[in-house]
Amino acid sequence: MRQAGRYLPEYQKIRKKNKDFINFCLNIKDATEVSLQPINRFNLDAAIIFSDILLILNAVGQKVEFKEKIGPVLANYDLNKFYKTSDKKFIKKLKNVYKIIKKIKEKLPKEKALIGFAGSPWTLLVYMINKESPKKNKNLLKNLKKNEVIKIIKRLEHLVYIHCKEQILGGADVIQLFDSWAGLINKESLKEFCIKPNKNIVNKLKKNFPNNPVICFPKGINENINVFIKTVKPHGISIDYDVNLNKLDLNNNVVFQGGMNPKFLLGNNERMFSEAKKYLDFFKNKPYIFNLGHGILPKTKPENVKKLVEFVRDYNL
């Protein structure tokens, strides 16, 4: 259920030692340990590497800091470094990520999968230009010409592919692409800015790594998710809690994942179970990975996560 995080006391203990979040993500010992914490505690079916989508931008010269109560704050981007950083230098900057994957893989029980991930080009572009989480800033591209945007997205497409490739070579079994801000794109631009770049990365990964499934998470695209699935053809699709289940086209070969609103883990158990059952019932005749529609909220009690995991495991098909 997303990566280790703020709701786990054992995570907090290690986080306190690591003042700089980006360095924390590159700390082999600590990032390996926190990646394994949810597995050790809940015996989940897969581990997801503890990392961040913004490491890609940091590696091509745009410094990223995480500020308390604000989130990521990025320095100005340098287009010279952005376009001219060689693949070799880029991989070198992120080499610890790949070492962390190798370490997790060594410690992970053989039957557990390891998920690597990256941000999709559009979402990285949003952070690059906006320099922080955009919330509802629909005008973030107003100073850029369309051909400039497409050129930047093309470059990001390449960087995302390289990062995913290296994670697979390090030992990741599955890759997830997070297009966290896809919901900011208007319908006319969705194909150009979201569908096309994700499709290009998925196609390249499928061609070069046919045994490593790719999951896409185009958050916030709601009813456009059907066209995304049909065009991008990922192995798996993560859905957020705003997706209307009754409008989903189930006549495809995709594995659905997620959907449940993490806020249900904050309330009483009966409501939490009934919401989980809604998703389990809906997808009972389809391949489905139970998961949340977004990250676990910081105030979530670990025992609620444990109860939810047990409920899902006991669900009777």
Protein backbone atom coordinates (compact mmCIF):
# COMPACT_ATOMS: atom_id res chain seq x y z
CA MET A 1 0.00 0.00 0.00
CA ARG A 2 2.43 2.58 -1.31
CA GLN A 3 5.81 2.91 0.25
CA ALA A 4 6.83 2.93 3.89
CA GLY A 5 5.95 6.15 5.46
CA ARG A 6 4.89 8.70 7.93
CA TYR A 7 2.32 6.52 9.68
CA LEU A 8 4.91 3.97 10.92
CA PRO A 9 6.78 4.74 14.18
CA GLU A 10 9.80 2.73 12.99
CA TYR A 11 9.93 4.95 9.88
CA GLN A 12 9.75 8.13 11.98
CA LYS A 13 12.74 6.98 14.01
CA ILE A 14 14.92 6.68 10.90
CA ARG A 15 13.47 9.82 9.27
CA LYS A 16 14.56 11.91 12.30
CA LYS A 17 18.18 10.97 11.64
CA ASN A 18 17.91 12.06 7.99
CA LYS A 19 17.30 15.79 7.86
CA ASP A 20 17.63 16.02 4.07
CA PHE A 21 14.95 13.95 2.33
CA ILE A 22 16.78 13.54 -0.99
CA ASN A 23 19.89 12.28 0.82
CA PHE A 24 17.63 9.95 2.81
CA CYS A 25 16.37 8.44 -0.47
CA LEU A 26 20.01 7.90 -1.50
CA ASN A 27 21.15 6.47 1.85
CA ILE A 28 21.64 2.79 1.03
CA LYS A 29 21.32 1.45 4.57
CA ASP A 30 18.35 3.56 5.71
CA ALA A 31 16.35 3.50 2.45
CA THR A 32 16.74 -0.29 2.31
CA GLU A 33 15.54 -0.61 5.89
CA VAL A 34 12.44 1.59 5.47
CA SER A 35 11.52 -0.15 2.19
CA LEU A 36 11.33 -3.43 4.11
CA GLN A 37 9.44 -2.08 7.15
CA PRO A 38 5.90 -2.61 5.75
CA ILE A 39 6.85 -6.16 4.66
CA ASN A 40 8.22 -6.97 8.12
CA ARG A 41 5.18 -5.51 9.84
CA PHE A 42 2.29 -6.57 7.57
CA ASN A 43 3.74 -9.35 5.40
CA LEU A 44 2.52 -7.58 2.24
CA ASP A 45 2.85 -9.30 -1.14
CA ALA A 46 5.26 -6.75 -2.61
CA ALA A 47 7.76 -4.14 -1.48
CA ILE A 48 8.05 -0.76 -3.15
CA ILE A 49 11.41 0.96 -3.09
CA PHE A 50 11.61 3.95 -0.75
CA SER A 51 12.48 6.73 -3.17
CA ASP A 52 11.03 9.85 -4.77
CA ILE A 53 9.93 10.78 -8.28
CA LEU A 54 11.88 14.07 -8.08
CA LEU A 55 15.28 12.35 -7.91
CA ILE A 56 15.27 12.47 -11.73
CA LEU A 57 15.12 16.30 -11.76
CA ASN A 58 17.69 16.52 -8.98
CA ALA A 59 20.03 14.37 -11.10
CA VAL A 60 19.86 16.78 -14.06
CA GLY A 61 20.75 19.88 -12.08
CA GLN A 62 17.47 21.10 -10.53
CA LYS A 63 18.04 21.01 -6.78
CA VAL A 64 15.14 19.60 -4.78
CA GLU A 65 14.49 20.24 -1.09
CA PHE A 66 11.62 19.04 1.08
CA LYS A 67 10.30 21.62 3.52
CA GLU A 68 8.10 20.75 6.45
CA LYS A 69 4.38 21.52 5.93
CA ILE A 70 5.15 22.65 2.34
CA GLY A 71 6.53 19.58 0.59
CA PRO A 72 9.00 19.71 -2.31
CA VAL A 73 10.58 23.05 -3.23
CA LEU A 74 12.70 23.12 -6.37
CA ALA A 75 15.37 25.58 -7.48
CA ASN A 76 15.27 27.07 -10.98
CA TYR A 77 15.88 24.54 -13.72
CA ASP A 78 18.93 24.82 -15.94
CA LEU A 79 17.99 23.79 -19.49
CA ASN A 80 21.65 23.41 -20.41
CA LYS A 81 22.18 20.75 -17.71
CA PHE A 82 18.72 19.32 -18.36
CA TYR A 83 19.45 18.59 -22.02
CA LYS A 84 23.19 17.95 -21.83
CA THR A 85 23.58 15.64 -18.83
CA SER A 86 24.85 12.40 -20.37
CA ASP A 87 23.11 9.09 -19.61
CA LYS A 88 26.32 7.93 -17.92
CA LYS A 89 26.41 10.93 -15.58
CA PHE A 90 22.65 10.67 -14.91
CA ILE A 91 22.96 6.98 -13.95
CA LYS A 92 25.99 7.78 -11.76
CA LYS A 93 24.00 10.42 -9.85
CA LEU A 94 21.26 7.86 -9.17
CA LYS A 95 23.52 4.84 -8.66
CA ASN A 96 22.52 4.54 -4.98
CA VAL A 97 18.88 3.99 -6.00
CA TYR A 98 19.95 0.95 -8.01
CA LYS A 99 22.17 -0.27 -5.16
CA ILE A 100 19.21 0.07 -2.76
CA ILE A 101 17.09 -2.06 -5.11
CA LYS A 102 19.84 -4.71 -5.17
CA LYS A 103 20.04 -4.68 -1.35
CA ILE A 104 16.24 -4.92 -0.89
CA LYS A 105 16.13 -7.79 -3.38
CA GLU A 106 18.79 -9.66 -1.38
CA LYS A 107 16.80 -9.29 1.85
CA LEU A 108 13.30 -9.76 0.44
CA PRO A 109 11.73 -13.24 0.71
CA LYS A 110 11.85 -14.90 -2.73
CA GLU A 111 8.05 -15.02 -3.11
CA LYS A 112 7.72 -11.22 -2.67
CA ALA A 113 7.89 -8.88 -5.65
CA LEU A 114 9.87 -5.63 -5.65
CA ILE A 115 8.32 -2.57 -7.29
CA GLY A 116 10.50 0.20 -8.67
CA PHE A 117 8.95 3.45 -9.88
CA ALA A 118 9.33 6.79 -11.61
CA GLY A 119 7.29 9.90 -12.22
CA SER A 120 5.76 10.22 -15.69
CA PRO A 121 7.06 13.03 -17.95
CA TRP A 122 4.06 15.35 -17.52
CA THR A 123 4.18 15.18 -13.71
CA LEU A 124 7.94 15.85 -13.69
CA LEU A 125 7.38 18.79 -16.06
CA VAL A 126 4.79 20.21 -13.64
CA TYR A 127 7.30 20.17 -10.76
CA MET A 128 10.09 21.43 -12.99
CA ILE A 129 8.11 24.50 -14.10
CA ASN A 130 6.03 25.14 -10.99
CA LYS A 131 8.88 24.41 -8.55
CA GLU A 132 6.43 23.00 -5.98
CA SER A 133 3.18 21.02 -5.82
CA PRO A 134 0.82 22.88 -8.16
CA LYS A 135 -2.48 22.24 -6.33
CA LYS A 136 -4.99 23.62 -8.83
CA ASN A 137 -2.69 25.84 -10.86
CA LYS A 138 -4.06 25.33 -14.35
CA ASN A 139 -1.92 28.14 -15.81
CA LEU A 140 1.45 26.68 -15.02
CA LEU A 141 2.46 26.40 -18.70
CA LYS A 142 1.40 29.92 -19.67
CA ASN A 143 4.98 31.13 -20.32
CA LEU A 144 5.93 28.14 -22.46
CA LYS A 145 5.23 27.55 -26.13
CA LYS A 146 3.69 24.19 -26.99
CA ASN A 147 6.73 23.04 -28.99
CA GLU A 148 8.98 23.82 -25.97
CA VAL A 149 6.70 21.76 -23.72
CA ILE A 150 6.81 18.83 -26.16
CA LYS A 151 10.61 19.05 -26.37
CA ILE A 152 10.93 18.96 -22.55
CA ILE A 153 8.47 16.05 -22.32
CA LYS A 154 10.48 14.13 -24.95
CA ARG A 155 13.66 14.59 -22.92
CA LEU A 156 11.89 13.54 -19.70
CA GLU A 157 10.55 10.48 -21.51
CA HIS A 158 14.13 9.41 -22.18
CA LEU A 159 15.28 10.07 -18.59
CA VAL A 160 12.31 8.20 -17.12
CA TYR A 161 13.01 5.21 -19.36
CA ILE A 162 16.71 5.14 -18.37
CA HIS A 163 15.78 5.32 -14.66
CA CYS A 164 13.25 2.48 -15.03
CA LYS A 165 15.70 0.38 -17.05
CA GLU A 166 18.40 0.73 -14.39
CA GLN A 167 15.92 -0.19 -11.64
CA ILE A 168 15.00 -3.38 -13.53
CA LEU A 169 18.68 -4.20 -14.05
CA GLY A 170 19.16 -3.67 -10.30
CA GLY A 171 16.45 -6.23 -9.53
CA ALA A 172 13.03 -4.53 -9.67
CA ASP A 173 10.35 -7.01 -10.80
CA VAL A 174 7.69 -4.42 -11.64
CA ILE A 175 7.74 -0.73 -12.57
CA GLN A 176 5.03 1.77 -11.67
CA LEU A 177 4.75 5.11 -13.48
CA PHE A 178 3.17 7.83 -11.37
CA ASP A 179 1.42 10.55 -13.38
CA SER A 180 0.28 12.29 -10.20
CA TRP A 181 -0.76 15.56 -11.88
CA ALA A 182 -2.39 14.10 -15.01
CA GLY A 183 -5.67 15.56 -13.71
CA LEU A 184 -4.41 19.09 -14.50
CA ILE A 185 -4.32 18.42 -18.25
CA ASN A 186 -7.31 19.57 -20.28
CA LYS A 187 -9.01 16.98 -22.47
CA GLU A 188 -7.58 18.41 -25.72
CA SER A 189 -3.98 18.03 -24.51
CA LEU A 190 -4.35 14.70 -22.71
CA LYS A 191 -3.15 12.64 -25.68
CA GLU A 192 -0.05 14.78 -26.27
CA PHE A 193 1.02 15.35 -22.66
CA CYS A 194 -0.10 12.19 -20.86
CA ILE A 195 -1.14 9.30 -23.09
CA LYS A 196 1.64 9.53 -25.69
CA PRO A 197 4.65 9.84 -23.32
CA ASN A 198 3.38 7.07 -21.04
CA LYS A 199 2.73 4.85 -24.07
CA ASN A 200 6.25 5.44 -25.42
CA ILE A 201 7.85 4.46 -22.09
CA VAL A 202 5.56 1.43 -21.64
CA ASN A 203 6.29 0.22 -25.19
CA LYS A 204 10.05 0.52 -24.72
CA LEU A 205 9.97 -1.28 -21.38
CA LYS A 206 7.73 -4.04 -22.78
CA LYS A 207 10.06 -4.51 -25.76
CA ASN A 208 13.30 -4.61 -23.76
CA PHE A 209 12.03 -6.22 -20.54
CA PRO A 210 9.10 -8.47 -21.52
CA ASN A 211 9.09 -10.20 -18.11
CA ASN A 212 8.76 -7.01 -16.05
CA PRO A 213 5.18 -5.72 -15.88
CA VAL A 214 4.50 -1.97 -16.00
CA ILE A 215 1.71 -0.35 -13.99
CA CYS A 216 0.50 3.18 -14.81
CA PHE A 217 -1.17 5.58 -12.39
CA PRO A 218 -2.65 8.54 -14.30
CA LYS A 219 -4.20 10.20 -11.25
CA GLY A 220 -7.22 12.43 -11.72
CA ILE A 221 -8.09 11.66 -15.35
CA ASN A 222 -11.42 10.13 -14.28
CA GLU A 223 -13.57 9.12 -17.28
CA ASN A 224 -10.54 9.40 -19.62
CA ILE A 225 -9.02 6.33 -17.96
CA ASN A 226 -10.68 3.98 -20.49
CA VAL A 227 -8.99 5.64 -23.45
CA PHE A 228 -5.70 5.69 -21.49
CA ILE A 229 -5.89 1.90 -20.90
CA LYS A 230 -6.86 1.19 -24.51
CA THR A 231 -4.07 3.33 -25.96
CA VAL A 232 -1.17 2.92 -23.51
CA LYS A 233 -1.84 -0.82 -22.88
CA PRO A 234 0.08 -1.13 -19.61
CA HIS A 235 0.06 -4.49 -17.82
CA GLY A 236 -1.59 -2.85 -14.83
CA ILE A 237 -3.55 0.33 -14.11
CA SER A 238 -3.82 2.01 -10.73
CA ILE A 239 -7.06 3.87 -10.14
CA ASP A 240 -7.66 6.70 -7.70
CA TYR A 241 -10.78 7.08 -5.56
CA ASP A 242 -12.43 9.59 -7.93
CA VAL A 243 -12.76 7.00 -10.70
CA ASN A 244 -16.39 5.99 -11.16
CA LEU A 245 -16.26 2.18 -11.12
CA ASN A 246 -19.47 1.84 -13.11
CA LYS A 247 -17.95 3.77 -16.01
CA LEU A 248 -14.85 1.55 -16.19
CA ASP A 249 -14.51 -0.58 -19.29
CA LEU A 250 -13.57 -4.04 -18.01
CA ASN A 251 -13.21 -5.60 -21.47
CA ASN A 252 -9.43 -5.42 -21.66
CA ASN A 253 -6.36 -7.36 -20.56
CA VAL A 254 -5.27 -4.90 -17.89
CA VAL A 255 -4.92 -5.77 -14.19
CA PHE A 256 -6.66 -3.16 -12.04
CA GLN A 257 -5.08 -1.95 -8.83
CA GLY A 258 -6.13 0.32 -5.98
CA GLY A 259 -9.08 2.67 -5.73
CA MET A 260 -9.92 2.83 -2.04
CA ASN A 261 -9.77 6.26 -0.43
CA PRO A 262 -7.07 6.26 2.31
CA LYS A 263 -9.34 8.40 4.54
CA PHE A 264 -11.34 5.22 5.32
CA LEU A 265 -8.37 3.96 7.32
CA LEU A 266 -8.85 6.88 9.73
CA GLY A 267 -12.43 6.07 10.76
CA ASN A 268 -14.20 3.10 12.25
CA ASN A 269 -13.35 -0.41 11.07
CA GLU A 270 -16.83 -1.27 9.77
CA ARG A 271 -16.78 1.60 7.27
CA MET A 272 -13.23 0.68 6.27
CA PHE A 273 -14.22 -2.96 5.66
CA SER A 274 -17.36 -2.02 3.75
CA GLU A 275 -15.38 0.31 1.45
CA ALA A 276 -12.75 -2.40 0.84
CA LYS A 277 -15.53 -4.91 0.09
CA LYS A 278 -16.98 -2.53 -2.50
CA TYR A 279 -13.74 -2.79 -4.55
CA LEU A 280 -13.24 -6.51 -3.92
CA ASP A 281 -16.82 -7.26 -5.00
CA PHE A 282 -16.63 -5.04 -8.06
CA PHE A 283 -13.43 -6.64 -9.38
CA LYS A 284 -14.11 -10.19 -8.26
CA ASN A 285 -14.24 -11.52 -11.83
CA LYS A 286 -11.16 -9.58 -12.95
CA PRO A 287 -7.47 -9.81 -12.02
CA TYR A 288 -7.23 -7.21 -9.25
CA ILE A 289 -4.54 -6.02 -6.83
CA PHE A 290 -6.10 -4.57 -3.71
CA ASN A 291 -4.52 -1.23 -2.88
CA LEU A 292 -5.41 2.32 -1.94
CA GLY A 293 -6.17 5.08 -4.43
CA HIS A 294 -3.36 7.19 -2.95
CA GLY A 295 -0.77 7.14 -0.16
CA ILE A 296 -1.57 6.18 3.43
CA LEU A 297 -2.32 9.33 5.45
CA PRO A 298 0.14 10.28 8.23
CA LYS A 299 -2.45 10.01 11.03
CA THR A 300 -3.35 6.40 10.11
CA LYS A 301 -2.93 3.90 12.93
CA PRO A 302 -0.73 0.96 11.90
CA GLU A 303 -3.24 -1.45 13.52
CA ASN A 304 -5.91 -0.24 11.04
CA VAL A 305 -3.60 -1.15 8.17
CA LYS A 306 -3.07 -4.57 9.76
CA LYS A 307 -6.84 -5.11 10.11
CA LEU A 308 -7.43 -4.07 6.50
CA VAL A 309 -4.73 -6.44 5.22
CA GLU A 310 -6.28 -9.29 7.23
CA PHE A 311 -9.77 -8.42 5.93
CA VAL A 312 -8.57 -8.53 2.32
CA ARG A 313 -6.71 -11.81 2.86
CA ASP A 314 -9.84 -13.38 4.38
CA TYR A 315 -12.15 -12.08 1.64
CA ASN A 316 -14.01 -15.01 0.20
CA LEU A 317 -14.20 -15.04 -3.58
